[in-house]
Amino acid sequence: MDYVVKLEAYEGPFDLLLDLIEQNEVDILDIPIAVITEQYLEYLHTLQEQDLAIGGEFLVMAATLIRIKAKMLLPPEEVEAEEPEEEDPRERLVEQLLRYKAYKEAAARLTERYHGALGYYTRGGRQSQAVRIPIFTNVVGDLTVKDLAAVFAQLMKDLHAEPPHQTIIQRVSVAQRLAEIRVCLVGRSRLTFAELLQERTRAEVVVTFLAILELIRLREIRVRQTSTFGYIEILPDYV
């Protein structure tokens, strides 16, 4: 028997969500957000355990699912009869999923038609007798043989020259860092500030600090330091 290794790869967070919905055999218009969120976070934790990179869009979607789940767990507010009913927190996510599903199915049909067309060949048309390719026999311009040799030498020099080096700086936004910290706090009672700064650049340290301040302002976390210059602990607000 051959040893088979199967790795699941998703093109984006919506692709992963659609697959989870199909696996659970649930209606896309009535998503059980608690179950889907738990399985989604499970998948992200699996990627972290395998030391695989997680795209920022996956982390943003994780934060979105957690926010929707929290809204649905809160008791509904009492409103007067004249005021319109509050919309379902899942409504916008469902609209995006339906739009993504339609685009994905259209792309699959186009890909199928493209591969089907590869098996057909068309006969080329005859070249019109009126169209003739000009043939130049006379020298045009005042270039000499030495000039052409110099141009050729420069072209060969440029061809063997080392390509220019480009430094790509990966920028991390505050929103992305917010989502990463929220995912790190799932299932944990506390987290140290030093853990969030491991192998981070100076710019990422600043963004992390701003993200922590924003989470404190939103009352999602609390920060504690037991001694001067001691470890800074980050605790979820419900702990």
C-alpha atoms as a PDB file:
ATOM      1  CA  MET A   1       0.000   0.000   0.000  1.00  0.00           C
ATOM      2  CA  ASP A   2       1.217   3.475  -0.858  1.00  0.00           C
ATOM      3  CA  TYR A   3       1.486   6.088   1.866  1.00  0.00           C
ATOM      4  CA  VAL A   4      -0.905   8.902   0.945  1.00  0.00           C
ATOM      5  CA  VAL A   5      -0.576  12.380   2.447  1.00  0.00           C
ATOM      6  CA  LYS A   6      -3.507  14.740   1.900  1.00  0.00           C
ATOM      7  CA  LEU A   7      -3.150  18.437   2.667  1.00  0.00           C
ATOM      8  CA  GLU A   8      -6.173  20.717   2.424  1.00  0.00           C
ATOM      9  CA  ALA A   9      -5.494  24.109   0.856  1.00  0.00           C
ATOM     10  CA  TYR A  10      -8.011  26.907   0.588  1.00  0.00           C
ATOM     11  CA  GLU A  11      -7.776  29.941  -1.653  1.00  0.00           C
ATOM     12  CA  GLY A  12      -9.199  32.208   1.033  1.00  0.00           C
ATOM     13  CA  PRO A  13     -11.375  32.391   4.162  1.00  0.00           C
ATOM     14  CA  PHE A  14     -14.630  32.242   2.154  1.00  0.00           C
ATOM     15  CA  ASP A  15     -13.420  29.053   0.459  1.00  0.00           C
ATOM     16  CA  LEU A  16     -12.805  27.513   3.900  1.00  0.00           C
ATOM     17  CA  LEU A  17     -16.214  28.661   5.204  1.00  0.00           C
ATOM     18  CA  LEU A  18     -18.060  27.180   2.199  1.00  0.00           C
ATOM     19  CA  ASP A  19     -16.269  23.865   2.700  1.00  0.00           C
ATOM     20  CA  LEU A  20     -17.205  23.798   6.410  1.00  0.00           C
ATOM     21  CA  ILE A  21     -20.852  24.566   5.532  1.00  0.00           C
ATOM     22  CA  GLU A  22     -20.918  21.731   2.971  1.00  0.00           C
ATOM     23  CA  GLN A  23     -19.283  19.291   5.410  1.00  0.00           C
ATOM     24  CA  ASN A  24     -21.881  20.074   8.096  1.00  0.00           C
ATOM     25  CA  GLU A  25     -24.713  19.919   5.510  1.00  0.00           C
ATOM     26  CA  VAL A  26     -26.347  23.110   6.788  1.00  0.00           C
ATOM     27  CA  ASP A  27     -28.312  25.813   5.033  1.00  0.00           C
ATOM     28  CA  ILE A  28     -26.079  28.710   3.997  1.00  0.00           C
ATOM     29  CA  LEU A  29     -28.945  31.104   4.818  1.00  0.00           C
ATOM     30  CA  ASP A  30     -29.105  29.829   8.422  1.00  0.00           C
ATOM     31  CA  ILE A  31     -25.485  29.225   9.445  1.00  0.00           C
ATOM     32  CA  PRO A  32     -24.939  27.699  12.935  1.00  0.00           C
ATOM     33  CA  ILE A  33     -22.331  30.318  13.745  1.00  0.00           C
ATOM     34  CA  ALA A  34     -21.104  28.664  16.979  1.00  0.00           C
ATOM     35  CA  VAL A  35     -20.282  25.343  15.280  1.00  0.00           C
ATOM     36  CA  ILE A  36     -18.719  26.942  12.197  1.00  0.00           C
ATOM     37  CA  THR A  37     -16.621  29.350  14.302  1.00  0.00           C
ATOM     38  CA  GLU A  38     -15.292  26.516  16.477  1.00  0.00           C
ATOM     39  CA  GLN A  39     -14.307  24.434  13.424  1.00  0.00           C
ATOM     40  CA  TYR A  40     -12.775  27.482  11.695  1.00  0.00           C
ATOM     41  CA  LEU A  41     -10.578  28.278  14.719  1.00  0.00           C
ATOM     42  CA  GLU A  42      -9.672  24.597  14.984  1.00  0.00           C
ATOM     43  CA  TYR A  43      -8.342  24.732  11.427  1.00  0.00           C
ATOM     44  CA  LEU A  44      -6.253  27.846  12.189  1.00  0.00           C
ATOM     45  CA  HIS A  45      -4.805  26.208  15.318  1.00  0.00           C
ATOM     46  CA  THR A  46      -3.875  23.175  13.192  1.00  0.00           C
ATOM     47  CA  LEU A  47      -1.966  25.425  10.802  1.00  0.00           C
ATOM     48  CA  GLN A  48      -0.138  27.034  13.740  1.00  0.00           C
ATOM     49  CA  GLU A  49       0.849  23.618  15.095  1.00  0.00           C
ATOM     50  CA  GLN A  50       2.277  22.710  11.670  1.00  0.00           C
ATOM     51  CA  ASP A  51       4.225  26.015  11.588  1.00  0.00           C
ATOM     52  CA  LEU A  52       2.380  27.082   8.440  1.00  0.00           C
ATOM     53  CA  ALA A  53       1.862  30.740   7.624  1.00  0.00           C
ATOM     54  CA  ILE A  54      -1.672  32.059   8.096  1.00  0.00           C
ATOM     55  CA  GLY A  55      -2.793  34.828   5.762  1.00  0.00           C
ATOM     56  CA  GLY A  56      -4.092  38.051   7.241  1.00  0.00           C
ATOM     57  CA  GLU A  57      -7.484  37.596   5.594  1.00  0.00           C
ATOM     58  CA  PHE A  58      -7.976  34.309   7.516  1.00  0.00           C
ATOM     59  CA  LEU A  59      -7.293  36.082  10.817  1.00  0.00           C
ATOM     60  CA  VAL A  60      -9.649  38.939   9.956  1.00  0.00           C
ATOM     61  CA  MET A  61     -12.393  36.418   9.158  1.00  0.00           C
ATOM     62  CA  ALA A  62     -11.721  34.660  12.493  1.00  0.00           C
ATOM     63  CA  ALA A  63     -12.227  37.956  14.320  1.00  0.00           C
ATOM     64  CA  THR A  64     -15.420  38.568  12.310  1.00  0.00           C
ATOM     65  CA  LEU A  65     -16.837  35.146  13.252  1.00  0.00           C
ATOM     66  CA  ILE A  66     -15.987  35.679  16.923  1.00  0.00           C
ATOM     67  CA  ARG A  67     -17.715  39.088  16.869  1.00  0.00           C
ATOM     68  CA  ILE A  68     -20.846  37.630  15.214  1.00  0.00           C
ATOM     69  CA  LYS A  69     -20.900  34.766  17.722  1.00  0.00           C
ATOM     70  CA  ALA A  70     -20.618  37.227  20.636  1.00  0.00           C
ATOM     71  CA  LYS A  71     -23.495  39.343  19.254  1.00  0.00           C
ATOM     72  CA  MET A  72     -25.738  36.283  18.895  1.00  0.00           C
ATOM     73  CA  LEU A  73     -24.977  35.160  22.455  1.00  0.00           C
ATOM     74  CA  LEU A  74     -26.036  38.512  23.914  1.00  0.00           C
ATOM     75  CA  PRO A  75     -29.721  38.788  24.896  1.00  0.00           C
ATOM     76  CA  PRO A  76     -31.776  40.876  22.451  1.00  0.00           C
ATOM     77  CA  GLU A  77     -32.409  44.454  23.468  1.00  0.00           C
ATOM     78  CA  GLU A  78     -35.982  45.510  24.179  1.00  0.00           C
ATOM     79  CA  VAL A  79     -37.199  47.857  21.469  1.00  0.00           C
ATOM     80  CA  GLU A  80     -40.465  49.662  20.959  1.00  0.00           C
ATOM     81  CA  ALA A  81     -42.978  48.279  18.469  1.00  0.00           C
ATOM     82  CA  GLU A  82     -42.522  51.238  16.105  1.00  0.00           C
ATOM     83  CA  GLU A  83     -38.756  50.677  15.728  1.00  0.00           C
ATOM     84  CA  PRO A  84     -37.614  48.170  13.058  1.00  0.00           C
ATOM     85  CA  GLU A  85     -36.254  44.843  14.230  1.00  0.00           C
ATOM     86  CA  GLU A  86     -32.471  44.533  14.515  1.00  0.00           C
ATOM     87  CA  GLU A  87     -30.938  42.745  11.527  1.00  0.00           C
ATOM     88  CA  ASP A  88     -29.336  39.329  11.868  1.00  0.00           C
ATOM     89  CA  PRO A  89     -25.553  39.665  12.520  1.00  0.00           C
ATOM     90  CA  ARG A  90     -24.990  36.886   9.976  1.00  0.00           C
ATOM     91  CA  GLU A  91     -26.785  38.711   7.156  1.00  0.00           C
ATOM     92  CA  ARG A  92     -23.764  40.532   5.710  1.00  0.00           C
ATOM     93  CA  LEU A  93     -21.569  37.412   5.951  1.00  0.00           C
ATOM     94  CA  VAL A  94     -24.215  35.327   4.143  1.00  0.00           C
ATOM     95  CA  GLU A  95     -24.408  37.911   1.335  1.00  0.00           C
ATOM     96  CA  GLN A  96     -20.641  37.794   0.885  1.00  0.00           C
ATOM     97  CA  LEU A  97     -20.654  33.987   0.915  1.00  0.00           C
ATOM     98  CA  LEU A  98     -23.399  33.786  -1.715  1.00  0.00           C
ATOM     99  CA  ARG A  99     -21.549  36.278  -3.925  1.00  0.00           C
ATOM    100  CA  TYR A 100     -18.276  34.360  -3.534  1.00  0.00           C
ATOM    101  CA  LYS A 101     -20.014  31.040  -4.272  1.00  0.00           C
ATOM    102  CA  ALA A 102     -21.503  32.457  -7.495  1.00  0.00           C
ATOM    103  CA  TYR A 103     -18.108  33.736  -8.663  1.00  0.00           C
ATOM    104  CA  LYS A 104     -16.461  30.429  -7.778  1.00  0.00           C
ATOM    105  CA  GLU A 105     -19.013  28.396  -9.745  1.00  0.00           C
ATOM    106  CA  ALA A 106     -18.673  30.740 -12.739  1.00  0.00           C
ATOM    107  CA  ALA A 107     -14.884  30.408 -12.622  1.00  0.00           C
ATOM    108  CA  ALA A 108     -15.197  26.603 -12.487  1.00  0.00           C
ATOM    109  CA  ARG A 109     -17.442  26.605 -15.582  1.00  0.00           C
ATOM    110  CA  LEU A 110     -15.034  28.877 -17.475  1.00  0.00           C
ATOM    111  CA  THR A 111     -12.082  26.666 -16.499  1.00  0.00           C
ATOM    112  CA  GLU A 112     -13.977  23.572 -17.679  1.00  0.00           C
ATOM    113  CA  ARG A 113     -14.761  25.196 -21.027  1.00  0.00           C
ATOM    114  CA  TYR A 114     -11.146  26.337 -21.396  1.00  0.00           C
ATOM    115  CA  HIS A 115      -9.769  22.820 -20.847  1.00  0.00           C
ATOM    116  CA  GLY A 116     -12.399  21.449 -23.231  1.00  0.00           C
ATOM    117  CA  ALA A 117     -11.311  23.918 -25.923  1.00  0.00           C
ATOM    118  CA  LEU A 118      -7.687  22.773 -25.645  1.00  0.00           C
ATOM    119  CA  GLY A 119      -8.602  19.591 -27.550  1.00  0.00           C
ATOM    120  CA  TYR A 120      -9.747  21.494 -30.642  1.00  0.00           C
ATOM    121  CA  TYR A 121      -7.569  23.053 -33.300  1.00  0.00           C
ATOM    122  CA  THR A 122      -8.698  25.501 -35.965  1.00  0.00           C
ATOM    123  CA  ARG A 123      -7.353  25.723 -39.478  1.00  0.00           C
ATOM    124  CA  GLY A 124      -5.402  28.879 -40.124  1.00  0.00           C
ATOM    125  CA  GLY A 125      -6.565  31.196 -42.904  1.00  0.00           C
ATOM    126  CA  ARG A 126      -4.549  31.928 -46.021  1.00  0.00           C
ATOM    127  CA  GLN A 127      -2.372  34.995 -46.022  1.00  0.00           C
ATOM    128  CA  SER A 128      -3.711  37.679 -48.273  1.00  0.00           C
ATOM    129  CA  GLN A 129      -1.725  38.148 -51.475  1.00  0.00           C
ATOM    130  CA  ALA A 130      -1.978  41.909 -51.029  1.00  0.00           C
ATOM    131  CA  VAL A 131      -0.004  41.771 -47.768  1.00  0.00           C
ATOM    132  CA  ARG A 132       3.695  41.549 -48.406  1.00  0.00           C
ATOM    133  CA  ILE A 133       6.500  41.557 -45.869  1.00  0.00           C
ATOM    134  CA  PRO A 134       9.038  44.241 -46.820  1.00  0.00           C
ATOM    135  CA  ILE A 135      12.639  43.168 -47.236  1.00  0.00           C
ATOM    136  CA  PHE A 136      15.249  45.874 -46.566  1.00  0.00           C
ATOM    137  CA  THR A 137      18.469  45.545 -48.545  1.00  0.00           C
ATOM    138  CA  ASN A 138      19.803  49.077 -48.199  1.00  0.00           C
ATOM    139  CA  VAL A 139      21.467  50.392 -45.035  1.00  0.00           C
ATOM    140  CA  VAL A 140      19.291  52.998 -43.295  1.00  0.00           C
ATOM    141  CA  GLY A 141      20.878  55.624 -41.048  1.00  0.00           C
ATOM    142  CA  ASP A 142      24.495  56.588 -40.330  1.00  0.00           C
ATOM    143  CA  LEU A 143      25.470  53.706 -37.993  1.00  0.00           C
ATOM    144  CA  THR A 144      28.816  52.118 -38.729  1.00  0.00           C
ATOM    145  CA  VAL A 145      30.026  48.590 -37.996  1.00  0.00           C
ATOM    146  CA  LYS A 146      31.916  49.896 -34.950  1.00  0.00           C
ATOM    147  CA  ASP A 147      28.732  51.493 -33.589  1.00  0.00           C
ATOM    148  CA  LEU A 148      26.812  48.222 -33.998  1.00  0.00           C
ATOM    149  CA  ALA A 149      29.653  46.329 -32.300  1.00  0.00           C
ATOM    150  CA  ALA A 150      29.569  48.755 -29.352  1.00  0.00           C
ATOM    151  CA  VAL A 151      25.792  48.411 -29.007  1.00  0.00           C
ATOM    152  CA  PHE A 152      26.103  44.613 -29.138  1.00  0.00           C
ATOM    153  CA  ALA A 153      28.855  44.643 -26.484  1.00  0.00           C
ATOM    154  CA  GLN A 154      26.694  46.787 -24.182  1.00  0.00           C
ATOM    155  CA  LEU A 155      23.726  44.443 -24.664  1.00  0.00           C
ATOM    156  CA  MET A 156      25.853  41.417 -23.754  1.00  0.00           C
ATOM    157  CA  LYS A 157      27.173  43.265 -20.696  1.00  0.00           C
ATOM    158  CA  ASP A 158      23.649  44.101 -19.528  1.00  0.00           C
ATOM    159  CA  LEU A 159      22.545  40.510 -20.187  1.00  0.00           C
ATOM    160  CA  HIS A 160      25.178  39.036 -17.842  1.00  0.00           C
ATOM    161  CA  ALA A 161      24.881  41.760 -15.209  1.00  0.00           C
ATOM    162  CA  GLU A 162      23.394  40.824 -11.840  1.00  0.00           C
ATOM    163  CA  PRO A 163      19.718  41.716 -11.525  1.00  0.00           C
ATOM    164  CA  PRO A 164      18.941  44.598  -9.157  1.00  0.00           C
ATOM    165  CA  HIS A 165      18.036  43.595  -5.630  1.00  0.00           C
ATOM    166  CA  GLN A 166      14.719  44.713  -4.214  1.00  0.00           C
ATOM    167  CA  THR A 167      13.943  44.695  -0.520  1.00  0.00           C
ATOM    168  CA  ILE A 168      10.313  43.832   0.197  1.00  0.00           C
ATOM    169  CA  ILE A 169       9.028  45.185   3.496  1.00  0.00           C
ATOM    170  CA  GLN A 170       5.966  43.405   4.822  1.00  0.00           C
ATOM    171  CA  ARG A 171       3.657  45.866   6.515  1.00  0.00           C
ATOM    172  CA  VAL A 172       1.237  44.766   9.206  1.00  0.00           C
ATOM    173  CA  SER A 173      -1.887  46.806   9.851  1.00  0.00           C
ATOM    174  CA  VAL A 174      -3.448  47.404  13.254  1.00  0.00           C
ATOM    175  CA  ALA A 175      -6.616  45.570  12.148  1.00  0.00           C
ATOM    176  CA  GLN A 176      -4.622  42.473  11.207  1.00  0.00           C
ATOM    177  CA  ARG A 177      -2.715  42.539  14.499  1.00  0.00           C
ATOM    178  CA  LEU A 178      -6.039  42.885  16.368  1.00  0.00           C
ATOM    179  CA  ALA A 179      -7.282  39.699  14.711  1.00  0.00           C
ATOM    180  CA  GLU A 180      -4.030  37.844  15.508  1.00  0.00           C
ATOM    181  CA  ILE A 181      -4.196  38.766  19.203  1.00  0.00           C
ATOM    182  CA  ARG A 182      -7.862  37.711  19.390  1.00  0.00           C
ATOM    183  CA  VAL A 183      -7.017  34.318  17.895  1.00  0.00           C
ATOM    184  CA  CYS A 184      -4.089  33.877  20.317  1.00  0.00           C
ATOM    185  CA  LEU A 185      -6.412  34.528  23.283  1.00  0.00           C
ATOM    186  CA  VAL A 186      -8.989  31.910  22.249  1.00  0.00           C
ATOM    187  CA  GLY A 187      -9.011  29.141  24.854  1.00  0.00           C
ATOM    188  CA  ARG A 188      -6.341  30.834  27.019  1.00  0.00           C
ATOM    189  CA  SER A 189      -6.743  32.634  30.322  1.00  0.00           C
ATOM    190  CA  ARG A 190      -3.713  34.893  29.906  1.00  0.00           C
ATOM    191  CA  LEU A 191      -0.971  35.893  27.494  1.00  0.00           C
ATOM    192  CA  THR A 192       2.307  37.731  28.111  1.00  0.00           C
ATOM    193  CA  PHE A 193       3.315  40.800  26.146  1.00  0.00           C
ATOM    194  CA  ALA A 194       6.708  39.181  25.466  1.00  0.00           C
ATOM    195  CA  GLU A 195       5.025  36.284  23.627  1.00  0.00           C
ATOM    196  CA  LEU A 196       3.430  38.704  21.169  1.00  0.00           C
ATOM    197  CA  LEU A 197       6.782  40.368  20.419  1.00  0.00           C
ATOM    198  CA  GLN A 198       8.819  37.256  19.586  1.00  0.00           C
ATOM    199  CA  GLU A 199      10.747  37.697  16.320  1.00  0.00           C
ATOM    200  CA  ARG A 200       9.017  40.991  15.547  1.00  0.00           C
ATOM    201  CA  THR A 201      10.488  44.047  13.853  1.00  0.00           C
ATOM    202  CA  ARG A 202      10.425  47.501  15.414  1.00  0.00           C
ATOM    203  CA  ALA A 203       7.445  48.511  13.276  1.00  0.00           C
ATOM    204  CA  GLU A 204       5.528  45.362  14.263  1.00  0.00           C
ATOM    205  CA  VAL A 205       6.217  46.076  17.963  1.00  0.00           C
ATOM    206  CA  VAL A 206       4.655  49.532  17.574  1.00  0.00           C
ATOM    207  CA  VAL A 207       1.634  48.086  15.723  1.00  0.00           C
ATOM    208  CA  THR A 208       1.226  45.427  18.443  1.00  0.00           C
ATOM    209  CA  PHE A 209       1.249  48.087  21.157  1.00  0.00           C
ATOM    210  CA  LEU A 210      -1.405  50.108  19.299  1.00  0.00           C
ATOM    211  CA  ALA A 211      -3.537  46.978  18.838  1.00  0.00           C
ATOM    212  CA  ILE A 212      -3.376  46.249  22.592  1.00  0.00           C
ATOM    213  CA  LEU A 213      -4.434  49.827  23.385  1.00  0.00           C
ATOM    214  CA  GLU A 214      -7.376  49.452  20.980  1.00  0.00           C
ATOM    215  CA  LEU A 215      -8.452  46.159  22.609  1.00  0.00           C
ATOM    216  CA  ILE A 216      -8.286  47.828  26.031  1.00  0.00           C
ATOM    217  CA  ARG A 217     -10.457  50.660  24.719  1.00  0.00           C
ATOM    218  CA  LEU A 218     -12.979  48.115  23.385  1.00  0.00           C
ATOM    219  CA  ARG A 219     -12.927  46.402  26.831  1.00  0.00           C
ATOM    220  CA  GLU A 220     -11.993  43.059  25.317  1.00  0.00           C
ATOM    221  CA  ILE A 221      -8.804  42.619  27.382  1.00  0.00           C
ATOM    222  CA  ARG A 222      -7.211  43.761  30.647  1.00  0.00           C
ATOM    223  CA  VAL A 223      -3.481  44.350  31.217  1.00  0.00           C
ATOM    224  CA  ARG A 224      -1.747  43.531  34.503  1.00  0.00           C
ATOM    225  CA  GLN A 225       1.811  44.019  35.807  1.00  0.00           C
ATOM    226  CA  THR A 226       2.522  42.615  39.270  1.00  0.00           C
ATOM    227  CA  SER A 227       5.866  44.393  39.787  1.00  0.00           C
ATOM    228  CA  THR A 228       7.885  47.276  38.401  1.00  0.00           C
ATOM    229  CA  PHE A 229       9.578  46.255  35.126  1.00  0.00           C
ATOM    230  CA  GLY A 230       7.923  42.851  35.502  1.00  0.00           C
ATOM    231  CA  TYR A 231       6.134  40.782  32.901  1.00  0.00           C
ATOM    232  CA  ILE A 232       3.066  42.399  31.370  1.00  0.00           C
ATOM    233  CA  GLU A 233       0.123  39.989  31.312  1.00  0.00           C
ATOM    234  CA  ILE A 234      -2.818  40.285  28.919  1.00  0.00           C
ATOM    235  CA  LEU A 235      -6.090  38.759  30.126  1.00  0.00           C
ATOM    236  CA  PRO A 236      -9.434  38.478  28.343  1.00  0.00           C
ATOM    237  CA  ASP A 237     -11.979  40.799  29.902  1.00  0.00           C
ATOM    238  CA  TYR A 238     -14.215  37.908  30.991  1.00  0.00           C
ATOM    239  CA  VAL A 239     -11.445  36.315  33.134  1.00  0.00           C
END
